[in-house]
Amino acid sequence: MKFALIIPAYNEEAHLPATLASAKTALESFNAQLIVVDNNSTDRTAEVAQSNGATVIFEPVNQIARARNTGARHALAADDPPHALVFLDADTTLSRETLTRAVKHLRSEKICGGGATIISDRPFPAFVRGMLATWNRASAFLGLAAGSFLFCPAQAFLDTGGFDERVYAGEEIWFSRALKKWGRRNGKRRFPIITDLPITTSARKGDMFGSPMIAIQLFAILLCPWITRSRKLCPVWYRRPKN
């Protein structure tokens, strides 16, 4: 089965080498294309991606949902398009075992999409660890994939229209729901969340913003989901503190 692994990246020159190294190792022996979407970076993101063997696509509008869609549409426009799409964040490492499990799910005719639970590359403060544990439980119970790692059949992406470009954060939640709705219509009701082989993501946002700021941002979105329609009101995803 052919698939595309798509990594949206905005000013990720520091984290991309580790992410791409893990992705290339995981992709060995698979029929897959590695795509990095340079989301209007001002650093060496594109150069780093190219030097690590990725196909680089430029998306000028700095929005995660749009970057994900741009990468997917590029892959699907090929003469020999992939059968499935896998999305990975630029600060997230992927093991071969997790990817193999995802591909096994994708080969099934019963799934509409899926994801994996998350662990951090180093310890978070207790409060943030609690939030992450809560998310992992909710993800597995409700069948919602984190944006860090999400996979789906190519046809599901095409039929649903991909990620909602009206929002600047949480686009993976809306996409997960759209995939499950598509699955109910097409007899593909399973949305597996891989819990025993979690993906590893960076704790850097805790370093950048501090736990209180992250908590405030998440609670604000829970209380007022409409703020995800404003890039300015989602600084944890788009602002890079100088220090």
C-alpha atoms as a PDB file:
ATOM      1  CA  MET A   1       0.000   0.000   0.000  1.00  0.00           C
ATOM      2  CA  LYS A   2       1.330   3.380  -1.000  1.00  0.00           C
ATOM      3  CA  PHE A   3       0.989   6.280   1.417  1.00  0.00           C
ATOM      4  CA  ALA A   4       2.306   9.798   1.972  1.00  0.00           C
ATOM      5  CA  LEU A   5       3.784  10.993   5.278  1.00  0.00           C
ATOM      6  CA  ILE A   6       3.094  14.726   5.572  1.00  0.00           C
ATOM      7  CA  ILE A   7       4.835  17.049   8.048  1.00  0.00           C
ATOM      8  CA  PRO A   8       3.694  20.691   8.361  1.00  0.00           C
ATOM      9  CA  ALA A   9       6.582  22.862   9.551  1.00  0.00           C
ATOM     10  CA  TYR A  10       6.838  26.499  10.596  1.00  0.00           C
ATOM     11  CA  ASN A  11      10.309  27.622  11.746  1.00  0.00           C
ATOM     12  CA  GLU A  12      11.279  24.077  12.711  1.00  0.00           C
ATOM     13  CA  GLU A  13      14.958  23.931  11.730  1.00  0.00           C
ATOM     14  CA  ALA A  14      15.909  22.821  15.255  1.00  0.00           C
ATOM     15  CA  HIS A  15      13.466  19.925  15.576  1.00  0.00           C
ATOM     16  CA  LEU A  16      13.151  18.736  11.982  1.00  0.00           C
ATOM     17  CA  PRO A  17      16.405  16.718  11.835  1.00  0.00           C
ATOM     18  CA  ALA A  18      15.304  14.383  14.645  1.00  0.00           C
ATOM     19  CA  THR A  19      11.770  14.140  13.290  1.00  0.00           C
ATOM     20  CA  LEU A  20      12.961  13.368   9.767  1.00  0.00           C
ATOM     21  CA  ALA A  21      15.565  10.882  10.981  1.00  0.00           C
ATOM     22  CA  SER A  22      12.868   8.948  12.842  1.00  0.00           C
ATOM     23  CA  ALA A  23      10.486   9.199   9.877  1.00  0.00           C
ATOM     24  CA  LYS A  24      13.063   7.923   7.378  1.00  0.00           C
ATOM     25  CA  THR A  25      13.908   4.963   9.613  1.00  0.00           C
ATOM     26  CA  ALA A  26      10.221   4.183  10.106  1.00  0.00           C
ATOM     27  CA  LEU A  27       9.549   4.405   6.356  1.00  0.00           C
ATOM     28  CA  GLU A  28      12.225   1.898   5.343  1.00  0.00           C
ATOM     29  CA  SER A  29      10.735  -0.885   3.171  1.00  0.00           C
ATOM     30  CA  PHE A  30       7.402   0.947   2.876  1.00  0.00           C
ATOM     31  CA  ASN A  31       6.139   2.419  -0.407  1.00  0.00           C
ATOM     32  CA  ALA A  32       5.829   5.956   0.881  1.00  0.00           C
ATOM     33  CA  GLN A  33       6.554   9.568   0.058  1.00  0.00           C
ATOM     34  CA  LEU A  34       7.960  11.959   2.679  1.00  0.00           C
ATOM     35  CA  ILE A  35       6.608  15.505   2.338  1.00  0.00           C
ATOM     36  CA  VAL A  36       7.459  18.570   4.427  1.00  0.00           C
ATOM     37  CA  VAL A  37       5.212  21.611   4.017  1.00  0.00           C
ATOM     38  CA  ASP A  38       7.202  24.776   4.687  1.00  0.00           C
ATOM     39  CA  ASN A  39       4.508  26.982   6.176  1.00  0.00           C
ATOM     40  CA  ASN A  40       6.105  30.356   5.364  1.00  0.00           C
ATOM     41  CA  SER A  41       9.096  29.815   7.642  1.00  0.00           C
ATOM     42  CA  THR A  42      11.706  32.517   8.177  1.00  0.00           C
ATOM     43  CA  ASP A  43      14.468  30.109   9.189  1.00  0.00           C
ATOM     44  CA  ARG A  44      16.178  27.181   7.401  1.00  0.00           C
ATOM     45  CA  THR A  45      13.209  24.805   7.625  1.00  0.00           C
ATOM     46  CA  ALA A  46      13.034  24.209   3.861  1.00  0.00           C
ATOM     47  CA  GLU A  47      16.791  23.730   3.535  1.00  0.00           C
ATOM     48  CA  VAL A  48      16.901  21.276   6.427  1.00  0.00           C
ATOM     49  CA  ALA A  49      13.988  19.298   4.981  1.00  0.00           C
ATOM     50  CA  GLN A  50      15.578  19.092   1.536  1.00  0.00           C
ATOM     51  CA  SER A  51      18.955  18.059   2.930  1.00  0.00           C
ATOM     52  CA  ASN A  52      17.220  15.224   4.772  1.00  0.00           C
ATOM     53  CA  GLY A  53      15.606  13.855   1.632  1.00  0.00           C
ATOM     54  CA  ALA A  54      12.068  15.207   1.967  1.00  0.00           C
ATOM     55  CA  THR A  55       9.976  16.679  -0.822  1.00  0.00           C
ATOM     56  CA  VAL A  56       9.383  20.304   0.211  1.00  0.00           C
ATOM     57  CA  ILE A  57       6.144  22.132  -0.622  1.00  0.00           C
ATOM     58  CA  PHE A  58       5.657  25.813   0.204  1.00  0.00           C
ATOM     59  CA  GLU A  59       2.432  27.095   1.773  1.00  0.00           C
ATOM     60  CA  PRO A  60       2.481  30.891   2.200  1.00  0.00           C
ATOM     61  CA  VAL A  61      -0.481  31.174   4.598  1.00  0.00           C
ATOM     62  CA  ASN A  62       0.712  30.441   8.110  1.00  0.00           C
ATOM     63  CA  GLN A  63      -2.031  28.076   9.264  1.00  0.00           C
ATOM     64  CA  ILE A  64      -1.617  24.469  10.364  1.00  0.00           C
ATOM     65  CA  ALA A  65      -4.822  23.187   8.757  1.00  0.00           C
ATOM     66  CA  ARG A  66      -3.907  24.789   5.434  1.00  0.00           C
ATOM     67  CA  ALA A  67      -0.365  23.369   5.578  1.00  0.00           C
ATOM     68  CA  ARG A  68      -1.681  19.859   6.206  1.00  0.00           C
ATOM     69  CA  ASN A  69      -4.143  20.194   3.313  1.00  0.00           C
ATOM     70  CA  THR A  70      -1.495  21.586   0.968  1.00  0.00           C
ATOM     71  CA  GLY A  71       0.760  18.596   1.573  1.00  0.00           C
ATOM     72  CA  ALA A  72      -2.086  16.117   1.139  1.00  0.00           C
ATOM     73  CA  ARG A  73      -3.358  17.726  -2.048  1.00  0.00           C
ATOM     74  CA  HIS A  74       0.132  17.736  -3.520  1.00  0.00           C
ATOM     75  CA  ALA A  75       0.469  14.013  -2.830  1.00  0.00           C
ATOM     76  CA  LEU A  76      -2.984  13.211  -4.194  1.00  0.00           C
ATOM     77  CA  ALA A  77      -2.411  15.203  -7.394  1.00  0.00           C
ATOM     78  CA  ALA A  78       0.356  12.822  -8.491  1.00  0.00           C
ATOM     79  CA  ASP A  79      -0.119  10.506 -11.461  1.00  0.00           C
ATOM     80  CA  ASP A  80       0.129   7.579  -9.037  1.00  0.00           C
ATOM     81  CA  PRO A  81      -1.510   8.960  -5.889  1.00  0.00           C
ATOM     82  CA  PRO A  82      -1.193   7.308  -2.473  1.00  0.00           C
ATOM     83  CA  HIS A  83      -3.890   5.088  -1.012  1.00  0.00           C
ATOM     84  CA  ALA A  84      -3.531   6.677   2.427  1.00  0.00           C
ATOM     85  CA  LEU A  85      -2.228   9.758   4.229  1.00  0.00           C
ATOM     86  CA  VAL A  86      -0.278   9.980   7.482  1.00  0.00           C
ATOM     87  CA  PHE A  87       0.227  13.333   9.230  1.00  0.00           C
ATOM     88  CA  LEU A  88       3.075  13.914  11.688  1.00  0.00           C
ATOM     89  CA  ASP A  89       4.043  17.073  13.578  1.00  0.00           C
ATOM     90  CA  ALA A  90       7.492  18.566  13.022  1.00  0.00           C
ATOM     91  CA  ASP A  91       8.486  18.209  16.693  1.00  0.00           C
ATOM     92  CA  THR A  92       7.347  14.592  16.965  1.00  0.00           C
ATOM     93  CA  THR A  93       9.350  11.401  16.505  1.00  0.00           C
ATOM     94  CA  LEU A  94       7.770   8.282  15.060  1.00  0.00           C
ATOM     95  CA  SER A  95       8.849   4.707  15.692  1.00  0.00           C
ATOM     96  CA  ARG A  96       8.757   2.037  13.022  1.00  0.00           C
ATOM     97  CA  GLU A  97       6.541  -0.064  15.287  1.00  0.00           C
ATOM     98  CA  THR A  98       3.900   2.661  15.563  1.00  0.00           C
ATOM     99  CA  LEU A  99       3.927   3.327  11.842  1.00  0.00           C
ATOM    100  CA  THR A 100       3.715  -0.403  11.075  1.00  0.00           C
ATOM    101  CA  ARG A 101       0.645  -0.664  13.315  1.00  0.00           C
ATOM    102  CA  ALA A 102      -0.940   2.336  11.582  1.00  0.00           C
ATOM    103  CA  VAL A 103      -0.289   0.821   8.148  1.00  0.00           C
ATOM    104  CA  LYS A 104      -1.813  -2.454   9.310  1.00  0.00           C
ATOM    105  CA  HIS A 105      -4.958  -0.538  10.290  1.00  0.00           C
ATOM    106  CA  LEU A 106      -4.966   1.329   6.982  1.00  0.00           C
ATOM    107  CA  ARG A 107      -4.880  -1.949   5.056  1.00  0.00           C
ATOM    108  CA  SER A 108      -8.152  -2.868   6.710  1.00  0.00           C
ATOM    109  CA  GLU A 109     -11.339  -2.012   4.859  1.00  0.00           C
ATOM    110  CA  LYS A 110     -13.066  -1.177   8.138  1.00  0.00           C
ATOM    111  CA  ILE A 111     -11.309   2.039   9.225  1.00  0.00           C
ATOM    112  CA  CYS A 112     -12.001   5.678   8.465  1.00  0.00           C
ATOM    113  CA  GLY A 113      -8.933   7.051  10.257  1.00  0.00           C
ATOM    114  CA  GLY A 114      -6.941   6.780  13.441  1.00  0.00           C
ATOM    115  CA  GLY A 115      -4.142   8.081  15.615  1.00  0.00           C
ATOM    116  CA  ALA A 116      -2.010   7.325  18.661  1.00  0.00           C
ATOM    117  CA  THR A 117      -1.626   8.470  22.224  1.00  0.00           C
ATOM    118  CA  ILE A 118       1.217  10.824  23.143  1.00  0.00           C
ATOM    119  CA  ILE A 119       4.173  10.848  25.479  1.00  0.00           C
ATOM    120  CA  SER A 120       6.622  13.709  26.056  1.00  0.00           C
ATOM    121  CA  ASP A 121      10.329  13.589  25.285  1.00  0.00           C
ATOM    122  CA  ARG A 122      11.013  14.711  28.843  1.00  0.00           C
ATOM    123  CA  PRO A 123       8.990  15.259  32.030  1.00  0.00           C
ATOM    124  CA  PHE A 124       6.303  17.930  32.172  1.00  0.00           C
ATOM    125  CA  PRO A 125       5.251  19.635  35.413  1.00  0.00           C
ATOM    126  CA  ALA A 126       2.624  17.586  37.269  1.00  0.00           C
ATOM    127  CA  PHE A 127      -0.296  19.725  36.125  1.00  0.00           C
ATOM    128  CA  VAL A 128       0.612  19.419  32.444  1.00  0.00           C
ATOM    129  CA  ARG A 129       1.205  15.673  32.852  1.00  0.00           C
ATOM    130  CA  GLY A 130      -2.331  15.439  34.181  1.00  0.00           C
ATOM    131  CA  MET A 131      -3.726  17.303  31.182  1.00  0.00           C
ATOM    132  CA  LEU A 132      -1.808  15.040  28.802  1.00  0.00           C
ATOM    133  CA  ALA A 133      -3.051  11.922  30.589  1.00  0.00           C
ATOM    134  CA  THR A 134      -6.607  13.250  30.409  1.00  0.00           C
ATOM    135  CA  TRP A 135      -6.244  13.884  26.683  1.00  0.00           C
ATOM    136  CA  ASN A 136      -4.870  10.373  26.076  1.00  0.00           C
ATOM    137  CA  ARG A 137      -7.825   8.820  27.888  1.00  0.00           C
ATOM    138  CA  ALA A 138     -10.306  11.001  26.024  1.00  0.00           C
ATOM    139  CA  SER A 139      -8.595  10.321  22.699  1.00  0.00           C
ATOM    140  CA  ALA A 140      -8.852   6.547  23.133  1.00  0.00           C
ATOM    141  CA  PHE A 141     -12.387   6.613  24.543  1.00  0.00           C
ATOM    142  CA  LEU A 142     -13.906   9.090  22.070  1.00  0.00           C
ATOM    143  CA  GLY A 143     -11.862   8.121  19.020  1.00  0.00           C
ATOM    144  CA  LEU A 144     -10.185  11.480  18.418  1.00  0.00           C
ATOM    145  CA  ALA A 145      -6.675  11.742  16.982  1.00  0.00           C
ATOM    146  CA  ALA A 146      -4.077  14.267  18.088  1.00  0.00           C
ATOM    147  CA  GLY A 147      -2.587  16.367  15.305  1.00  0.00           C
ATOM    148  CA  SER A 148       0.820  14.988  16.262  1.00  0.00           C
ATOM    149  CA  PHE A 149      -0.062  11.731  14.477  1.00  0.00           C
ATOM    150  CA  LEU A 150      -3.156  11.055  12.400  1.00  0.00           C
ATOM    151  CA  PHE A 151      -3.787   8.664   9.524  1.00  0.00           C
ATOM    152  CA  CYS A 152      -6.668   8.131   7.107  1.00  0.00           C
ATOM    153  CA  PRO A 153      -7.556   6.610   3.737  1.00  0.00           C
ATOM    154  CA  ALA A 154      -6.916   9.013   0.851  1.00  0.00           C
ATOM    155  CA  GLN A 155     -10.541   8.754  -0.275  1.00  0.00           C
ATOM    156  CA  ALA A 156     -11.733   9.844   3.158  1.00  0.00           C
ATOM    157  CA  PHE A 157      -9.589  12.979   2.908  1.00  0.00           C
ATOM    158  CA  LEU A 158     -10.924  13.747  -0.565  1.00  0.00           C
ATOM    159  CA  ASP A 159     -14.579  13.176   0.349  1.00  0.00           C
ATOM    160  CA  THR A 160     -14.452  15.201   3.585  1.00  0.00           C
ATOM    161  CA  GLY A 161     -12.427  18.059   2.103  1.00  0.00           C
ATOM    162  CA  GLY A 162      -9.587  17.639   4.576  1.00  0.00           C
ATOM    163  CA  PHE A 163      -8.848  19.821   7.587  1.00  0.00           C
ATOM    164  CA  ASP A 164     -11.105  22.775   8.338  1.00  0.00           C
ATOM    165  CA  GLU A 165      -9.253  25.904   7.207  1.00  0.00           C
ATOM    166  CA  ARG A 166     -11.576  28.146   9.197  1.00  0.00           C
ATOM    167  CA  VAL A 167      -9.733  27.226  12.412  1.00  0.00           C
ATOM    168  CA  TYR A 168      -6.160  27.853  13.550  1.00  0.00           C
ATOM    169  CA  ALA A 169      -6.036  25.180  16.266  1.00  0.00           C
ATOM    170  CA  GLY A 170      -7.878  21.971  17.045  1.00  0.00           C
ATOM    171  CA  GLU A 171      -8.322  21.187  13.355  1.00  0.00           C
ATOM    172  CA  GLU A 172      -7.527  17.530  14.081  1.00  0.00           C
ATOM    173  CA  ILE A 173     -10.611  17.248  16.321  1.00  0.00           C
ATOM    174  CA  TRP A 174     -12.955  18.491  13.610  1.00  0.00           C
ATOM    175  CA  PHE A 175     -11.221  16.302  11.042  1.00  0.00           C
ATOM    176  CA  SER A 176     -11.499  13.230  13.275  1.00  0.00           C
ATOM    177  CA  ARG A 177     -15.226  13.856  13.602  1.00  0.00           C
ATOM    178  CA  ALA A 178     -15.599  14.376   9.849  1.00  0.00           C
ATOM    179  CA  LEU A 179     -13.728  11.130   9.170  1.00  0.00           C
ATOM    180  CA  LYS A 180     -15.974   9.197  11.547  1.00  0.00           C
ATOM    181  CA  LYS A 181     -19.069  10.644   9.910  1.00  0.00           C
ATOM    182  CA  TRP A 182     -17.661   9.625   6.516  1.00  0.00           C
ATOM    183  CA  GLY A 183     -16.940   6.181   7.916  1.00  0.00           C
ATOM    184  CA  ARG A 184     -20.544   5.691   9.057  1.00  0.00           C
ATOM    185  CA  ARG A 185     -21.758   6.501   5.540  1.00  0.00           C
ATOM    186  CA  ASN A 186     -19.262   4.133   3.931  1.00  0.00           C
ATOM    187  CA  GLY A 187     -19.277   1.147   6.249  1.00  0.00           C
ATOM    188  CA  LYS A 188     -15.874   2.000   7.742  1.00  0.00           C
ATOM    189  CA  ARG A 189     -16.754   2.708  11.336  1.00  0.00           C
ATOM    190  CA  ARG A 190     -13.479   1.918  13.110  1.00  0.00           C
ATOM    191  CA  PHE A 191     -11.255   4.809  14.269  1.00  0.00           C
ATOM    192  CA  PRO A 192      -8.430   3.060  16.167  1.00  0.00           C
ATOM    193  CA  ILE A 193      -6.206   4.946  18.594  1.00  0.00           C
ATOM    194  CA  ILE A 194      -2.885   3.155  19.155  1.00  0.00           C
ATOM    195  CA  THR A 195      -2.332   3.182  22.917  1.00  0.00           C
ATOM    196  CA  ASP A 196       0.504   0.706  23.456  1.00  0.00           C
ATOM    197  CA  LEU A 197       2.915   2.342  20.978  1.00  0.00           C
ATOM    198  CA  PRO A 198       2.592   6.083  21.640  1.00  0.00           C
ATOM    199  CA  ILE A 199       4.358   8.721  19.592  1.00  0.00           C
ATOM    200  CA  THR A 200       6.873  11.019  21.299  1.00  0.00           C
ATOM    201  CA  THR A 201       6.427  14.776  21.045  1.00  0.00           C
ATOM    202  CA  SER A 202       8.510  17.666  22.276  1.00  0.00           C
ATOM    203  CA  ALA A 203       7.923  19.397  25.603  1.00  0.00           C
ATOM    204  CA  ARG A 204       9.230  22.620  24.078  1.00  0.00           C
ATOM    205  CA  LYS A 205       5.965  24.554  24.415  1.00  0.00           C
ATOM    206  CA  GLY A 206       6.294  24.221  28.163  1.00  0.00           C
ATOM    207  CA  ASP A 207       9.756  25.771  27.886  1.00  0.00           C
ATOM    208  CA  MET A 208       8.535  28.536  25.590  1.00  0.00           C
ATOM    209  CA  PHE A 209       5.354  29.587  27.359  1.00  0.00           C
ATOM    210  CA  GLY A 210       5.317  27.942  30.786  1.00  0.00           C
ATOM    211  CA  SER A 211       2.635  25.628  32.131  1.00  0.00           C
ATOM    212  CA  PRO A 212       0.241  28.413  33.268  1.00  0.00           C
ATOM    213  CA  MET A 213       0.083  29.914  29.766  1.00  0.00           C
ATOM    214  CA  ILE A 214      -0.550  26.516  28.175  1.00  0.00           C
ATOM    215  CA  ALA A 215      -3.299  25.778  30.699  1.00  0.00           C
ATOM    216  CA  ILE A 216      -4.931  29.162  30.093  1.00  0.00           C
ATOM    217  CA  GLN A 217      -4.840  28.608  26.332  1.00  0.00           C
ATOM    218  CA  LEU A 218      -6.419  25.152  26.552  1.00  0.00           C
ATOM    219  CA  PHE A 219      -9.098  26.194  29.036  1.00  0.00           C
ATOM    220  CA  ALA A 220      -9.921  29.229  26.892  1.00  0.00           C
ATOM    221  CA  ILE A 221     -10.505  26.972  23.881  1.00  0.00           C
ATOM    222  CA  LEU A 222     -12.637  24.587  25.926  1.00  0.00           C
ATOM    223  CA  LEU A 223     -14.781  27.447  27.208  1.00  0.00           C
ATOM    224  CA  CYS A 224     -14.860  29.453  23.964  1.00  0.00           C
ATOM    225  CA  PRO A 225     -14.144  27.204  20.962  1.00  0.00           C
ATOM    226  CA  TRP A 226     -14.768  30.103  18.577  1.00  0.00           C
ATOM    227  CA  ILE A 227     -11.371  31.606  19.466  1.00  0.00           C
ATOM    228  CA  THR A 228      -9.742  28.913  17.314  1.00  0.00           C
ATOM    229  CA  ARG A 229     -10.928  30.938  14.315  1.00  0.00           C
ATOM    230  CA  SER A 230      -8.417  33.645  15.222  1.00  0.00           C
ATOM    231  CA  ARG A 231      -4.710  33.145  14.708  1.00  0.00           C
ATOM    232  CA  LYS A 232      -3.996  35.954  17.174  1.00  0.00           C
ATOM    233  CA  LEU A 233      -5.943  34.153  19.908  1.00  0.00           C
ATOM    234  CA  CYS A 234      -3.975  30.903  19.431  1.00  0.00           C
ATOM    235  CA  PRO A 235      -0.434  32.085  20.294  1.00  0.00           C
ATOM    236  CA  VAL A 236       0.737  28.715  21.656  1.00  0.00           C
ATOM    237  CA  TRP A 237       0.601  27.345  18.105  1.00  0.00           C
ATOM    238  CA  TYR A 238       1.872  30.378  16.179  1.00  0.00           C
ATOM    239  CA  ARG A 239       4.081  32.577  18.338  1.00  0.00           C
ATOM    240  CA  ARG A 240       7.770  31.815  18.890  1.00  0.00           C
ATOM    241  CA  PRO A 241       9.104  33.697  21.953  1.00  0.00           C
ATOM    242  CA  LYS A 242      12.534  35.189  21.304  1.00  0.00           C
ATOM    243  CA  ASN A 243      13.890  33.893  24.609  1.00  0.00           C
END
